[in-house]
Amino acid sequence: MVVNFEFLGDEPIENVITCMHYKIDKVVFFGYHEIIQGYKESTESFLRKYCGVKKVVFVALSHKSLSSVTDIISRVVLWMKTMIVYFVTQKIFSMK
């Protein structure tokens, strides 16, 4: 599973360019709530339709607290890493 972590911005092409060039299974976008609200639907639709991305996740970040931002990003990355290890382990055991 290939997971791409991106910062969602207000330039639509910048939000999808990596997925256009690589085979990405899942994208996690970090961004401010108002940016997510403005671009979530169109970005997710484009990625699924034209890039074959299976899962798109949006995570809102704080404008005010850098420590909150770094904490959220760390937790999401750790959670994704744990999920990938779990699925790989399940796949290996199901092959036996």
PDB file of N, CA and C in Angstrom:
ATOM      1  N   MET A   1       0.843  -1.177   0.000  1.00  0.00           N
ATOM      2  CA  MET A   1       0.000   0.000   0.000  1.00  0.00           C
ATOM      3  C   MET A   1       0.887   1.238   0.000  1.00  0.00           C
ATOM      4  N   VAL A   2       0.661   2.119  -0.947  1.00  0.00           N
ATOM      5  CA  VAL A   2       1.422   3.363  -1.038  1.00  0.00           C
ATOM      6  C   VAL A   2       0.553   4.495  -0.497  1.00  0.00           C
ATOM      7  N   VAL A   3       1.056   5.151   0.544  1.00  0.00           N
ATOM      8  CA  VAL A   3       0.333   6.252   1.182  1.00  0.00           C
ATOM      9  C   VAL A   3       1.110   7.540   0.943  1.00  0.00           C
ATOM     10  N   ASN A   4       0.389   8.570   0.522  1.00  0.00           N
ATOM     11  CA  ASN A   4       0.993   9.873   0.272  1.00  0.00           C
ATOM     12  C   ASN A   4       0.440  10.869   1.287  1.00  0.00           C
ATOM     13  N   PHE A   5       1.329  11.565   1.996  1.00  0.00           N
ATOM     14  CA  PHE A   5       0.935  12.607   2.928  1.00  0.00           C
ATOM     15  C   PHE A   5       1.176  13.947   2.253  1.00  0.00           C
ATOM     16  N   GLU A   6       0.159  14.796   2.234  1.00  0.00           N
ATOM     17  CA  GLU A   6       0.241  16.094   1.552  1.00  0.00           C
ATOM     18  C   GLU A   6      -0.338  17.189   2.444  1.00  0.00           C
ATOM     19  N   PHE A   7       0.090  18.409   2.183  1.00  0.00           N
ATOM     20  CA  PHE A   7      -0.548  19.570   2.786  1.00  0.00           C
ATOM     21  C   PHE A   7      -1.495  20.145   1.743  1.00  0.00           C
ATOM     22  N   LEU A   8      -2.774  20.221   2.077  1.00  0.00           N
ATOM     23  CA  LEU A   8      -3.791  20.720   1.159  1.00  0.00           C
ATOM     24  C   LEU A   8      -3.663  22.229   1.033  1.00  0.00           C
ATOM     25  N   GLY A   9      -3.532  22.698  -0.189  1.00  0.00           N
ATOM     26  CA  GLY A   9      -3.393  24.127  -0.423  1.00  0.00           C
ATOM     27  C   GLY A   9      -4.508  24.660  -1.293  1.00  0.00           C
ATOM     28  N   ASP A  10      -4.413  25.925  -1.639  1.00  0.00           N
ATOM     29  CA  ASP A  10      -5.469  26.544  -2.437  1.00  0.00           C
ATOM     30  C   ASP A  10      -5.171  26.522  -3.939  1.00  0.00           C
ATOM     31  N   GLU A  11      -4.154  25.763  -4.348  1.00  0.00           N
ATOM     32  CA  GLU A  11      -3.854  25.539  -5.761  1.00  0.00           C
ATOM     33  C   GLU A  11      -4.210  24.096  -6.100  1.00  0.00           C
ATOM     34  N   PRO A  12      -5.331  23.875  -6.772  1.00  0.00           N
ATOM     35  CA  PRO A  12      -5.810  22.503  -7.015  1.00  0.00           C
ATOM     36  C   PRO A  12      -4.789  21.570  -7.658  1.00  0.00           C
ATOM     37  N   ILE A  13      -4.024  22.033  -8.619  1.00  0.00           N
ATOM     38  CA  ILE A  13      -3.070  21.148  -9.300  1.00  0.00           C
ATOM     39  C   ILE A  13      -1.994  20.654  -8.341  1.00  0.00           C
ATOM     40  N   GLU A  14      -1.591  21.494  -7.397  1.00  0.00           N
ATOM     41  CA  GLU A  14      -0.578  21.091  -6.427  1.00  0.00           C
ATOM     42  C   GLU A  14      -1.086  19.997  -5.494  1.00  0.00           C
ATOM     43  N   ASN A  15      -2.394  19.929  -5.320  1.00  0.00           N
ATOM     44  CA  ASN A  15      -2.977  18.926  -4.439  1.00  0.00           C
ATOM     45  C   ASN A  15      -3.048  17.540  -5.078  1.00  0.00           C
ATOM     46  N   VAL A  16      -2.960  17.464  -6.393  1.00  0.00           N
ATOM     47  CA  VAL A  16      -3.138  16.170  -7.074  1.00  0.00           C
ATOM     48  C   VAL A  16      -1.941  15.736  -7.917  1.00  0.00           C
ATOM     49  N   ILE A  17      -0.951  16.562  -8.077  1.00  0.00           N
ATOM     50  CA  ILE A  17       0.144  16.294  -9.013  1.00  0.00           C
ATOM     51  C   ILE A  17       0.910  15.017  -8.672  1.00  0.00           C
ATOM     52  N   THR A  18       1.158  14.749  -7.409  1.00  0.00           N
ATOM     53  CA  THR A  18       1.887  13.530  -7.030  1.00  0.00           C
ATOM     54  C   THR A  18       1.106  12.286  -7.448  1.00  0.00           C
ATOM     55  N   CYS A  19      -0.196  12.312  -7.224  1.00  0.00           N
ATOM     56  CA  CYS A  19      -1.032  11.157  -7.576  1.00  0.00           C
ATOM     57  C   CYS A  19      -1.151  10.980  -9.088  1.00  0.00           C
ATOM     58  N   MET A  20      -0.954  12.038  -9.826  1.00  0.00           N
ATOM     59  CA  MET A  20      -1.002  11.940 -11.282  1.00  0.00           C
ATOM     60  C   MET A  20       0.262  11.268 -11.824  1.00  0.00           C
ATOM     61  N   HIS A  21       1.347  11.372 -11.089  1.00  0.00           N
ATOM     62  CA  HIS A  21       2.627  10.831 -11.546  1.00  0.00           C
ATOM     63  C   HIS A  21       2.962   9.461 -10.965  1.00  0.00           C
ATOM     64  N   TYR A  22       2.353   9.106  -9.840  1.00  0.00           N
ATOM     65  CA  TYR A  22       2.666   7.841  -9.173  1.00  0.00           C
ATOM     66  C   TYR A  22       1.386   7.078  -8.861  1.00  0.00           C
ATOM     67  N   LYS A  23       1.501   5.780  -8.678  1.00  0.00           N
ATOM     68  CA  LYS A  23       0.375   4.933  -8.308  1.00  0.00           C
ATOM     69  C   LYS A  23       0.221   5.000  -6.788  1.00  0.00           C
ATOM     70  N   ILE A  24      -0.718   5.788  -6.330  1.00  0.00           N
ATOM     71  CA  ILE A  24      -0.950   6.010  -4.905  1.00  0.00           C
ATOM     72  C   ILE A  24      -2.254   5.317  -4.511  1.00  0.00           C
ATOM     73  N   ASP A  25      -2.230   4.582  -3.402  1.00  0.00           N
ATOM     74  CA  ASP A  25      -3.434   3.909  -2.918  1.00  0.00           C
ATOM     75  C   ASP A  25      -4.259   4.785  -1.983  1.00  0.00           C
ATOM     76  N   LYS A  26      -3.558   5.560  -1.171  1.00  0.00           N
ATOM     77  CA  LYS A  26      -4.236   6.359  -0.151  1.00  0.00           C
ATOM     78  C   LYS A  26      -3.533   7.696  -0.015  1.00  0.00           C
ATOM     79  N   VAL A  27      -4.328   8.763   0.125  1.00  0.00           N
ATOM     80  CA  VAL A  27      -3.767  10.100   0.322  1.00  0.00           C
ATOM     81  C   VAL A  27      -4.322  10.664   1.622  1.00  0.00           C
ATOM     82  N   VAL A  28      -3.432  11.214   2.440  1.00  0.00           N
ATOM     83  CA  VAL A  28      -3.825  11.903   3.658  1.00  0.00           C
ATOM     84  C   VAL A  28      -3.460  13.368   3.479  1.00  0.00           C
ATOM     85  N   PHE A  29      -4.479  14.223   3.476  1.00  0.00           N
ATOM     86  CA  PHE A  29      -4.258  15.665   3.344  1.00  0.00           C
ATOM     87  C   PHE A  29      -4.358  16.328   4.711  1.00  0.00           C
ATOM     88  N   PHE A  30      -3.357  17.130   5.046  1.00  0.00           N
ATOM     89  CA  PHE A  30      -3.403  17.974   6.229  1.00  0.00           C
ATOM     90  C   PHE A  30      -3.699  19.390   5.751  1.00  0.00           C
ATOM     91  N   GLY A  31      -4.565  20.097   6.465  1.00  0.00           N
ATOM     92  CA  GLY A  31      -4.856  21.466   6.058  1.00  0.00           C
ATOM     93  C   GLY A  31      -5.761  22.173   7.045  1.00  0.00           C
ATOM     94  N   TYR A  32      -5.946  23.454   6.798  1.00  0.00           N
ATOM     95  CA  TYR A  32      -6.862  24.236   7.624  1.00  0.00           C
ATOM     96  C   TYR A  32      -8.299  23.896   7.249  1.00  0.00           C
ATOM     97  N   HIS A  33      -9.169  23.967   8.243  1.00  0.00           N
ATOM     98  CA  HIS A  33     -10.570  23.568   8.070  1.00  0.00           C
ATOM     99  C   HIS A  33     -11.230  24.249   6.867  1.00  0.00           C
ATOM    100  N   GLU A  34     -11.030  25.542   6.715  1.00  0.00           N
ATOM    101  CA  GLU A  34     -11.695  26.263   5.623  1.00  0.00           C
ATOM    102  C   GLU A  34     -11.170  25.850   4.238  1.00  0.00           C
ATOM    103  N   ILE A  35      -9.896  25.506   4.149  1.00  0.00           N
ATOM    104  CA  ILE A  35      -9.334  25.011   2.886  1.00  0.00           C
ATOM    105  C   ILE A  35      -9.900  23.627   2.584  1.00  0.00           C
ATOM    106  N   ILE A  36      -9.972  22.780   3.606  1.00  0.00           N
ATOM    107  CA  ILE A  36     -10.543  21.443   3.417  1.00  0.00           C
ATOM    108  C   ILE A  36     -11.977  21.548   2.922  1.00  0.00           C
ATOM    109  N   GLN A  37     -12.771  22.415   3.544  1.00  0.00           N
ATOM    110  CA  GLN A  37     -14.177  22.561   3.134  1.00  0.00           C
ATOM    111  C   GLN A  37     -14.286  23.018   1.686  1.00  0.00           C
ATOM    112  N   GLY A  38     -13.387  23.865   1.251  1.00  0.00           N
ATOM    113  CA  GLY A  38     -13.450  24.397  -0.104  1.00  0.00           C
ATOM    114  C   GLY A  38     -12.998  23.442  -1.197  1.00  0.00           C
ATOM    115  N   TYR A  39     -12.097  22.510  -0.847  1.00  0.00           N
ATOM    116  CA  TYR A  39     -11.499  21.661  -1.881  1.00  0.00           C
ATOM    117  C   TYR A  39     -11.744  20.160  -1.700  1.00  0.00           C
ATOM    118  N   LYS A  40     -12.345  19.764  -0.597  1.00  0.00           N
ATOM    119  CA  LYS A  40     -12.495  18.341  -0.283  1.00  0.00           C
ATOM    120  C   LYS A  40     -13.237  17.569  -1.378  1.00  0.00           C
ATOM    121  N   GLU A  41     -14.406  17.994  -1.720  1.00  0.00           N
ATOM    122  CA  GLU A  41     -15.242  17.246  -2.668  1.00  0.00           C
ATOM    123  C   GLU A  41     -14.590  17.117  -4.045  1.00  0.00           C
ATOM    124  N   SER A  42     -14.123  18.224  -4.592  1.00  0.00           N
ATOM    125  CA  SER A  42     -13.537  18.180  -5.939  1.00  0.00           C
ATOM    126  C   SER A  42     -12.211  17.426  -5.963  1.00  0.00           C
ATOM    127  N   THR A  43     -11.400  17.585  -4.921  1.00  0.00           N
ATOM    128  CA  THR A  43     -10.114  16.891  -4.858  1.00  0.00           C
ATOM    129  C   THR A  43     -10.321  15.385  -4.750  1.00  0.00           C
ATOM    130  N   GLU A  44     -11.202  14.981  -3.856  1.00  0.00           N
ATOM    131  CA  GLU A  44     -11.464  13.547  -3.673  1.00  0.00           C
ATOM    132  C   GLU A  44     -12.044  12.930  -4.942  1.00  0.00           C
ATOM    133  N   SER A  45     -12.962  13.613  -5.565  1.00  0.00           N
ATOM    134  CA  SER A  45     -13.579  13.118  -6.799  1.00  0.00           C
ATOM    135  C   SER A  45     -12.542  12.947  -7.907  1.00  0.00           C
ATOM    136  N   PHE A  46     -11.685  13.940  -8.096  1.00  0.00           N
ATOM    137  CA  PHE A  46     -10.647  13.878  -9.123  1.00  0.00           C
ATOM    138  C   PHE A  46      -9.686  12.721  -8.865  1.00  0.00           C
ATOM    139  N   LEU A  47      -9.234  12.597  -7.623  1.00  0.00           N
ATOM    140  CA  LEU A  47      -8.262  11.556  -7.284  1.00  0.00           C
ATOM    141  C   LEU A  47      -8.823  10.157  -7.505  1.00  0.00           C
ATOM    142  N   ARG A  48     -10.071   9.965  -7.159  1.00  0.00           N
ATOM    143  CA  ARG A  48     -10.689   8.644  -7.353  1.00  0.00           C
ATOM    144  C   ARG A  48     -10.913   8.353  -8.834  1.00  0.00           C
ATOM    145  N   LYS A  49     -11.418   9.346  -9.561  1.00  0.00           N
ATOM    146  CA  LYS A  49     -11.793   9.143 -10.965  1.00  0.00           C
ATOM    147  C   LYS A  49     -10.593   9.048 -11.901  1.00  0.00           C
ATOM    148  N   TYR A  50      -9.644   9.947 -11.766  1.00  0.00           N
ATOM    149  CA  TYR A  50      -8.550  10.041 -12.730  1.00  0.00           C
ATOM    150  C   TYR A  50      -7.223   9.427 -12.270  1.00  0.00           C
ATOM    151  N   CYS A  51      -7.061   9.255 -10.966  1.00  0.00           N
ATOM    152  CA  CYS A  51      -5.783   8.746 -10.461  1.00  0.00           C
ATOM    153  C   CYS A  51      -5.903   7.366  -9.826  1.00  0.00           C
ATOM    154  N   GLY A  52      -7.110   6.887  -9.646  1.00  0.00           N
ATOM    155  CA  GLY A  52      -7.305   5.561  -9.069  1.00  0.00           C
ATOM    156  C   GLY A  52      -7.004   5.454  -7.592  1.00  0.00           C
ATOM    157  N   VAL A  53      -7.026   6.576  -6.892  1.00  0.00           N
ATOM    158  CA  VAL A  53      -6.784   6.557  -5.449  1.00  0.00           C
ATOM    159  C   VAL A  53      -7.996   5.919  -4.771  1.00  0.00           C
ATOM    160  N   LYS A  54      -7.726   4.962  -3.888  1.00  0.00           N
ATOM    161  CA  LYS A  54      -8.804   4.222  -3.242  1.00  0.00           C
ATOM    162  C   LYS A  54      -9.372   4.941  -2.024  1.00  0.00           C
ATOM    163  N   LYS A  55      -8.522   5.631  -1.286  1.00  0.00           N
ATOM    164  CA  LYS A  55      -8.946   6.266  -0.039  1.00  0.00           C
ATOM    165  C   LYS A  55      -8.315   7.644   0.074  1.00  0.00           C
ATOM    166  N   VAL A  56      -9.144   8.631   0.419  1.00  0.00           N
ATOM    167  CA  VAL A  56      -8.671  10.000   0.622  1.00  0.00           C
ATOM    168  C   VAL A  56      -9.126  10.446   2.014  1.00  0.00           C
ATOM    169  N   VAL A  57      -8.184  10.913   2.818  1.00  0.00           N
ATOM    170  CA  VAL A  57      -8.468  11.339   4.184  1.00  0.00           C
ATOM    171  C   VAL A  57      -8.046  12.791   4.337  1.00  0.00           C
ATOM    172  N   PHE A  58      -8.883  13.580   5.012  1.00  0.00           N
ATOM    173  CA  PHE A  58      -8.577  14.984   5.273  1.00  0.00           C
ATOM    174  C   PHE A  58      -8.491  15.192   6.777  1.00  0.00           C
ATOM    175  N   VAL A  59      -7.409  15.821   7.229  1.00  0.00           N
ATOM    176  CA  VAL A  59      -7.180  16.056   8.648  1.00  0.00           C
ATOM    177  C   VAL A  59      -6.999  17.556   8.857  1.00  0.00           C
ATOM    178  N   ALA A  60      -7.887  18.149   9.662  1.00  0.00           N
ATOM    179  CA  ALA A  60      -7.828  19.591   9.922  1.00  0.00           C
ATOM    180  C   ALA A  60      -6.741  19.911  10.942  1.00  0.00           C
ATOM    181  N   LEU A  61      -6.038  21.012  10.678  1.00  0.00           N
ATOM    182  CA  LEU A  61      -4.973  21.479  11.559  1.00  0.00           C
ATOM    183  C   LEU A  61      -5.321  22.839  12.141  1.00  0.00           C
ATOM    184  N   SER A  62      -4.726  23.157  13.265  1.00  0.00           N
ATOM    185  CA  SER A  62      -4.965  24.416  13.960  1.00  0.00           C
ATOM    186  C   SER A  62      -4.179  25.565  13.323  1.00  0.00           C
ATOM    187  N   HIS A  63      -4.793  26.733  13.314  1.00  0.00           N
ATOM    188  CA  HIS A  63      -4.104  27.957  12.883  1.00  0.00           C
ATOM    189  C   HIS A  63      -3.210  28.502  14.003  1.00  0.00           C
ATOM    190  N   LYS A  64      -3.528  28.146  15.234  1.00  0.00           N
ATOM    191  CA  LYS A  64      -2.958  28.845  16.376  1.00  0.00           C
ATOM    192  C   LYS A  64      -1.856  28.107  17.126  1.00  0.00           C
ATOM    193  N   SER A  65      -1.833  26.792  17.051  1.00  0.00           N
ATOM    194  CA  SER A  65      -0.927  26.037  17.914  1.00  0.00           C
ATOM    195  C   SER A  65      -0.014  25.114  17.107  1.00  0.00           C
ATOM    196  N   LEU A  66       1.247  25.491  17.009  1.00  0.00           N
ATOM    197  CA  LEU A  66       2.221  24.668  16.298  1.00  0.00           C
ATOM    198  C   LEU A  66       2.394  23.315  16.974  1.00  0.00           C
ATOM    199  N   SER A  67       2.371  23.302  18.296  1.00  0.00           N
ATOM    200  CA  SER A  67       2.518  22.014  18.992  1.00  0.00           C
ATOM    201  C   SER A  67       1.340  21.103  18.700  1.00  0.00           C
ATOM    202  N   SER A  68       0.154  21.661  18.554  1.00  0.00           N
ATOM    203  CA  SER A  68      -1.017  20.864  18.182  1.00  0.00           C
ATOM    204  C   SER A  68      -0.862  20.296  16.777  1.00  0.00           C
ATOM    205  N   VAL A  69      -0.350  21.107  15.869  1.00  0.00           N
ATOM    206  CA  VAL A  69      -0.133  20.658  14.485  1.00  0.00           C
ATOM    207  C   VAL A  69       0.850  19.503  14.443  1.00  0.00           C
ATOM    208  N   THR A  70       1.977  19.646  15.104  1.00  0.00           N
ATOM    209  CA  THR A  70       2.981  18.584  15.077  1.00  0.00           C
ATOM    210  C   THR A  70       2.466  17.323  15.773  1.00  0.00           C
ATOM    211  N   ASP A  71       1.686  17.489  16.828  1.00  0.00           N
ATOM    212  CA  ASP A  71       1.112  16.341  17.531  1.00  0.00           C
ATOM    213  C   ASP A  71       0.128  15.584  16.630  1.00  0.00           C
ATOM    214  N   ILE A  72      -0.745  16.299  15.961  1.00  0.00           N
ATOM    215  CA  ILE A  72      -1.726  15.670  15.073  1.00  0.00           C
ATOM    216  C   ILE A  72      -1.031  14.944  13.924  1.00  0.00           C
ATOM    217  N   ILE A  73      -0.072  15.601  13.301  1.00  0.00           N
ATOM    218  CA  ILE A  73       0.642  14.969  12.187  1.00  0.00           C
ATOM    219  C   ILE A  73       1.353  13.700  12.665  1.00  0.00           C
ATOM    220  N   SER A  74       2.027  13.776  13.792  1.00  0.00           N
ATOM    221  CA  SER A  74       2.730  12.602  14.339  1.00  0.00           C
ATOM    222  C   SER A  74       1.764  11.457  14.609  1.00  0.00           C
ATOM    223  N   ARG A  75       0.612  11.764  15.190  1.00  0.00           N
ATOM    224  CA  ARG A  75      -0.373  10.721  15.499  1.00  0.00           C
ATOM    225  C   ARG A  75      -0.932  10.068  14.233  1.00  0.00           C
ATOM    226  N   VAL A  76      -1.233  10.876  13.241  1.00  0.00           N
ATOM    227  CA  VAL A  76      -1.789  10.327  12.002  1.00  0.00           C
ATOM    228  C   VAL A  76      -0.758   9.459  11.284  1.00  0.00           C
ATOM    229  N   VAL A  77       0.474   9.919  11.207  1.00  0.00           N
ATOM    230  CA  VAL A  77       1.521   9.135  10.548  1.00  0.00           C
ATOM    231  C   VAL A  77       1.743   7.822  11.299  1.00  0.00           C
ATOM    232  N   LEU A  78       1.789   7.860  12.611  1.00  0.00           N
ATOM    233  CA  LEU A  78       1.959   6.642  13.398  1.00  0.00           C
ATOM    234  C   LEU A  78       0.771   5.700  13.197  1.00  0.00           C
ATOM    235  N   TRP A  79      -0.434   6.238  13.194  1.00  0.00           N
ATOM    236  CA  TRP A  79      -1.635   5.426  12.984  1.00  0.00           C
ATOM    237  C   TRP A  79      -1.583   4.746  11.613  1.00  0.00           C
ATOM    238  N   MET A  80      -1.209   5.491  10.574  1.00  0.00           N
ATOM    239  CA  MET A  80      -1.129   4.911   9.227  1.00  0.00           C
ATOM    240  C   MET A  80      -0.058   3.828   9.179  1.00  0.00           C
ATOM    241  N   LYS A  81       1.071   4.066   9.802  1.00  0.00           N
ATOM    242  CA  LYS A  81       2.141   3.073   9.836  1.00  0.00           C
ATOM    243  C   LYS A  81       1.654   1.795  10.520  1.00  0.00           C
ATOM    244  N   THR A  82       0.944   1.945  11.628  1.00  0.00           N
ATOM    245  CA  THR A  82       0.397   0.795  12.348  1.00  0.00           C
ATOM    246  C   THR A  82      -0.595   0.033  11.480  1.00  0.00           C
ATOM    247  N   MET A  83      -1.453   0.743  10.774  1.00  0.00           N
ATOM    248  CA  MET A  83      -2.449   0.103   9.917  1.00  0.00           C
ATOM    249  C   MET A  83      -1.779  -0.663   8.773  1.00  0.00           C
ATOM    250  N   ILE A  84      -0.754  -0.106   8.189  1.00  0.00           N
ATOM    251  CA  ILE A  84      -0.050  -0.772   7.088  1.00  0.00           C
ATOM    252  C   ILE A  84       0.619  -2.048   7.586  1.00  0.00           C
ATOM    253  N   VAL A  85       1.276  -1.976   8.732  1.00  0.00           N
ATOM    254  CA  VAL A  85       1.912  -3.164   9.301  1.00  0.00           C
ATOM    255  C   VAL A  85       0.861  -4.229   9.593  1.00  0.00           C
ATOM    256  N   TYR A  86      -0.278  -3.823  10.125  1.00  0.00           N
ATOM    257  CA  TYR A  86      -1.362  -4.761  10.422  1.00  0.00           C
ATOM    258  C   TYR A  86      -1.839  -5.461   9.151  1.00  0.00           C
ATOM    259  N   PHE A  87      -2.104  -4.695   8.094  1.00  0.00           N
ATOM    260  CA  PHE A  87      -2.606  -5.292   6.856  1.00  0.00           C
ATOM    261  C   PHE A  87      -1.570  -6.200   6.194  1.00  0.00           C
ATOM    262  N   VAL A  88      -0.318  -5.817   6.231  1.00  0.00           N
ATOM    263  CA  VAL A  88       0.735  -6.661   5.663  1.00  0.00           C
ATOM    264  C   VAL A  88       0.829  -7.961   6.459  1.00  0.00           C
ATOM    265  N   THR A  89       0.769  -7.870   7.773  1.00  0.00           N
ATOM    266  CA  THR A  89       0.819  -9.060   8.619  1.00  0.00           C
ATOM    267  C   THR A  89      -0.368  -9.975   8.330  1.00  0.00           C
ATOM    268  N   GLN A  90      -1.554  -9.404   8.207  1.00  0.00           N
ATOM    269  CA  GLN A  90      -2.748 -10.192   7.906  1.00  0.00           C
ATOM    270  C   GLN A  90      -2.598 -10.900   6.563  1.00  0.00           C
ATOM    271  N   LYS A  91      -2.061 -10.200   5.601  1.00  0.00           N
ATOM    272  CA  LYS A  91      -1.889 -10.778   4.262  1.00  0.00           C
ATOM    273  C   LYS A  91      -0.892 -11.944   4.310  1.00  0.00           C
ATOM    274  N   ILE A  92       0.200 -11.771   5.044  1.00  0.00           N
ATOM    275  CA  ILE A  92       1.204 -12.830   5.153  1.00  0.00           C
ATOM    276  C   ILE A  92       0.602 -14.070   5.812  1.00  0.00           C
ATOM    277  N   PHE A  93      -0.141 -13.887   6.901  1.00  0.00           N
ATOM    278  CA  PHE A  93      -0.723 -15.031   7.594  1.00  0.00           C
ATOM    279  C   PHE A  93      -1.842 -15.684   6.788  1.00  0.00           C
ATOM    280  N   SER A  94      -2.531 -14.936   5.966  1.00  0.00           N
ATOM    281  CA  SER A  94      -3.604 -15.523   5.166  1.00  0.00           C
ATOM    282  C   SER A  94      -3.040 -16.338   3.998  1.00  0.00           C
ATOM    283  N   MET A  95      -1.774 -16.139   3.680  1.00  0.00           N
ATOM    284  CA  MET A  95      -1.141 -16.871   2.581  1.00  0.00           C
ATOM    285  C   MET A  95      -0.682 -18.256   3.026  1.00  0.00           C
ATOM    286  N   LYS A  96      -0.605 -18.478   4.319  1.00  0.00           N
ATOM    287  CA  LYS A  96      -0.122 -19.776   4.834  1.00  0.00           C
ATOM    288  C   LYS A  96      -1.179 -20.833   4.764  1.00  0.00           C
TER     289      LYS A  96
END
